[in-house]
């Protein structure tokens, strides 16, 4: 059911997703940034804010906890989907001997991406943005309960 907290959470975490995208850009250097990365970060933020944070944030304190949960989930899904797309690209180049090797390689690629993007700037962006977005969502959830 749509609520004000869900709407605000979705918007707030979409903004966090935009900042996550900007924090990822320096790690690409001269490489081409994937075209799907910005919509992925914003879409994951919309999902995390609507489903995870907006549904459970009923005060500022609960907003902090649900905001952190939503932010970590947002980062996880961004890494997983990026890795899955990379695996599909590599499988179209016939890099794998079988489907099981491709599925296992998703997690290897995900780990490599996590190491590449595991910077202090990224941690501050995800954790700080999630706490702020969660607090805002929690305040709206308290002011406008279901």
Protein backbone atom coordinates (compact mmCIF):
# COMPACT_ATOMS: atom_id res chain seq x y z
CA UNK A 1 0.00 0.00 0.00
CA UNK A 2 1.46 3.37 -0.95
CA UNK A 3 2.36 5.62 1.96
CA UNK A 4 4.19 8.91 2.30
CA UNK A 5 7.13 7.12 3.93
CA UNK A 6 7.45 4.72 1.00
CA UNK A 7 7.39 7.57 -1.52
CA UNK A 8 9.94 9.62 0.39
CA UNK A 9 12.10 6.53 0.95
CA UNK A 10 12.08 5.70 -2.75
CA UNK A 11 13.03 9.25 -3.71
CA UNK A 12 15.70 9.52 -0.98
CA UNK A 13 17.36 6.23 -1.90
CA UNK A 14 17.20 7.08 -5.61
CA UNK A 15 19.23 10.17 -4.73
CA UNK A 16 21.62 7.97 -2.74
CA UNK A 17 21.87 5.78 -5.86
CA UNK A 18 22.87 8.82 -7.90
CA UNK A 19 25.64 9.57 -5.42
CA UNK A 20 26.74 5.92 -5.48
CA UNK A 21 27.01 6.18 -9.27
CA UNK A 22 29.15 9.31 -8.94
CA UNK A 23 31.37 7.57 -6.35
CA UNK A 24 31.89 4.68 -8.80
CA UNK A 25 33.06 6.89 -11.67
CA UNK A 26 36.66 7.47 -10.46
CA UNK A 27 37.24 3.72 -10.23
CA UNK A 28 36.59 3.28 -13.94
CA UNK A 29 39.41 5.66 -14.88
CA UNK A 30 39.78 5.68 -18.66
CA UNK A 31 37.50 2.66 -19.13
CA UNK A 32 34.06 3.16 -20.54
CA UNK A 33 31.34 3.36 -17.89
CA UNK A 34 28.50 0.93 -18.64
CA UNK A 35 25.41 2.70 -19.96
CA UNK A 36 23.14 0.75 -17.63
CA UNK A 37 24.98 1.79 -14.45
CA UNK A 38 23.11 5.03 -13.66
CA UNK A 39 19.62 3.52 -14.20
CA UNK A 40 20.71 0.48 -12.18
CA UNK A 41 21.87 2.57 -9.22
CA UNK A 42 18.75 4.73 -9.24
CA UNK A 43 16.44 1.74 -9.79
CA UNK A 44 18.03 -0.18 -6.92
CA UNK A 45 17.55 2.91 -4.78
CA UNK A 46 13.90 3.18 -5.72
CA UNK A 47 13.40 -0.47 -4.82
CA UNK A 48 15.33 -0.29 -1.54
CA UNK A 49 13.57 2.89 -0.43
CA UNK A 50 10.08 1.67 -1.31
CA UNK A 51 10.27 -1.96 -0.20
CA UNK A 52 12.81 -2.00 2.62
CA UNK A 53 13.04 1.41 4.22
CA UNK A 54 9.65 3.01 3.57
CA UNK A 55 7.72 0.00 4.77
CA UNK A 56 9.44 -0.33 8.14
CA UNK A 57 10.56 3.20 9.09
CA UNK A 58 8.09 4.54 11.66
CA UNK A 59 10.42 6.86 13.58
CA UNK A 60 13.79 8.49 13.16
CA UNK A 61 15.52 5.77 15.20
CA UNK A 62 13.93 2.92 13.25
CA UNK A 63 14.70 4.87 10.09
CA UNK A 64 18.41 4.69 10.83
CA UNK A 65 18.35 0.90 11.11
CA UNK A 66 16.11 0.32 8.13
CA UNK A 67 18.09 2.90 6.17
CA UNK A 68 21.32 1.01 6.77
CA UNK A 69 19.63 -2.25 5.81
CA UNK A 70 18.25 -0.68 2.63
CA UNK A 71 21.59 0.89 1.73
CA UNK A 72 23.51 -2.34 2.12
CA UNK A 73 20.85 -4.21 0.13
CA UNK A 74 21.02 -1.53 -2.55
CA UNK A 75 24.78 -1.94 -2.82
CA UNK A 76 24.46 -5.73 -2.90
CA UNK A 77 21.93 -5.68 -5.75
CA UNK A 78 23.97 -3.16 -7.73
CA UNK A 79 27.05 -5.41 -7.48
CA UNK A 80 25.07 -8.57 -8.24
CA UNK A 81 23.34 -7.18 -11.33
CA UNK A 82 26.57 -5.61 -12.62
CA UNK A 83 28.30 -8.97 -12.21
CA UNK A 84 25.46 -10.84 -13.89
CA UNK A 85 25.55 -8.51 -16.90
CA UNK A 86 29.32 -8.94 -17.12
CA UNK A 87 28.90 -12.73 -16.99
CA UNK A 88 26.34 -12.61 -19.81
CA UNK A 89 28.74 -10.51 -21.91
CA UNK A 90 31.53 -13.01 -21.30
CA UNK A 91 29.32 -16.01 -22.00
CA UNK A 92 28.33 -14.51 -25.35
CA UNK A 93 32.05 -14.48 -26.13
CA UNK A 94 32.12 -18.20 -25.29
CA UNK A 95 34.47 -17.81 -22.35
CA UNK A 96 32.82 -20.54 -20.28
CA UNK A 97 32.83 -24.28 -20.81
CA UNK A 98 29.41 -24.79 -19.23
CA UNK A 99 26.55 -23.04 -17.46
CA UNK A 100 27.77 -23.94 -13.96
CA UNK A 101 31.09 -22.25 -14.60
CA UNK A 102 29.24 -19.10 -15.67
CA UNK A 103 27.04 -19.07 -12.56
CA UNK A 104 30.03 -19.53 -10.26
CA UNK A 105 31.90 -16.78 -12.09
CA UNK A 106 29.12 -14.30 -11.24
CA UNK A 107 30.26 -14.40 -7.63
CA UNK A 108 33.92 -14.12 -8.59
CA UNK A 109 33.13 -11.05 -10.68
CA UNK A 110 31.01 -9.71 -7.82
CA UNK A 111 33.93 -10.12 -5.42
CA UNK A 112 36.30 -8.38 -7.86
CA UNK A 113 33.84 -5.51 -8.29
CA UNK A 114 33.45 -5.27 -4.51
CA UNK A 115 37.21 -4.97 -4.12
CA UNK A 116 37.40 -2.41 -6.94
CA UNK A 117 34.59 -0.26 -5.54
CA UNK A 118 35.44 -0.86 -1.87
CA UNK A 119 36.86 2.58 -1.27
CA UNK A 120 36.47 4.96 1.63
CA UNK A 121 34.44 7.31 -0.54
CA UNK A 122 32.05 4.50 -1.44
CA UNK A 123 31.65 3.44 2.20
CA UNK A 124 30.93 7.00 3.30
CA UNK A 125 28.51 7.47 0.42
CA UNK A 126 26.56 4.27 1.06
CA UNK A 127 26.53 4.35 4.85
CA UNK A 128 26.17 8.10 5.31
CA UNK A 129 23.59 8.45 2.57
CA UNK A 130 21.63 5.49 3.91
CA UNK A 131 21.53 6.89 7.43
CA UNK A 132 20.40 10.31 6.22
CA UNK A 133 17.80 8.87 3.84
CA UNK A 134 16.57 6.51 6.57
CA UNK A 135 16.23 9.34 9.07
CA UNK A 136 14.23 11.42 6.60
CA UNK A 137 12.05 8.44 5.76
CA UNK A 138 11.53 7.66 9.44
CA UNK A 139 10.56 11.25 10.21
CA UNK A 140 7.99 11.21 7.40
CA UNK A 141 6.77 7.79 8.56
CA UNK A 142 6.19 9.15 12.05
CA UNK A 143 4.51 12.35 10.87
CA UNK A 144 2.24 10.61 8.35
CA UNK A 145 1.48 7.13 9.69
CA UNK A 146 -0.49 4.68 7.59
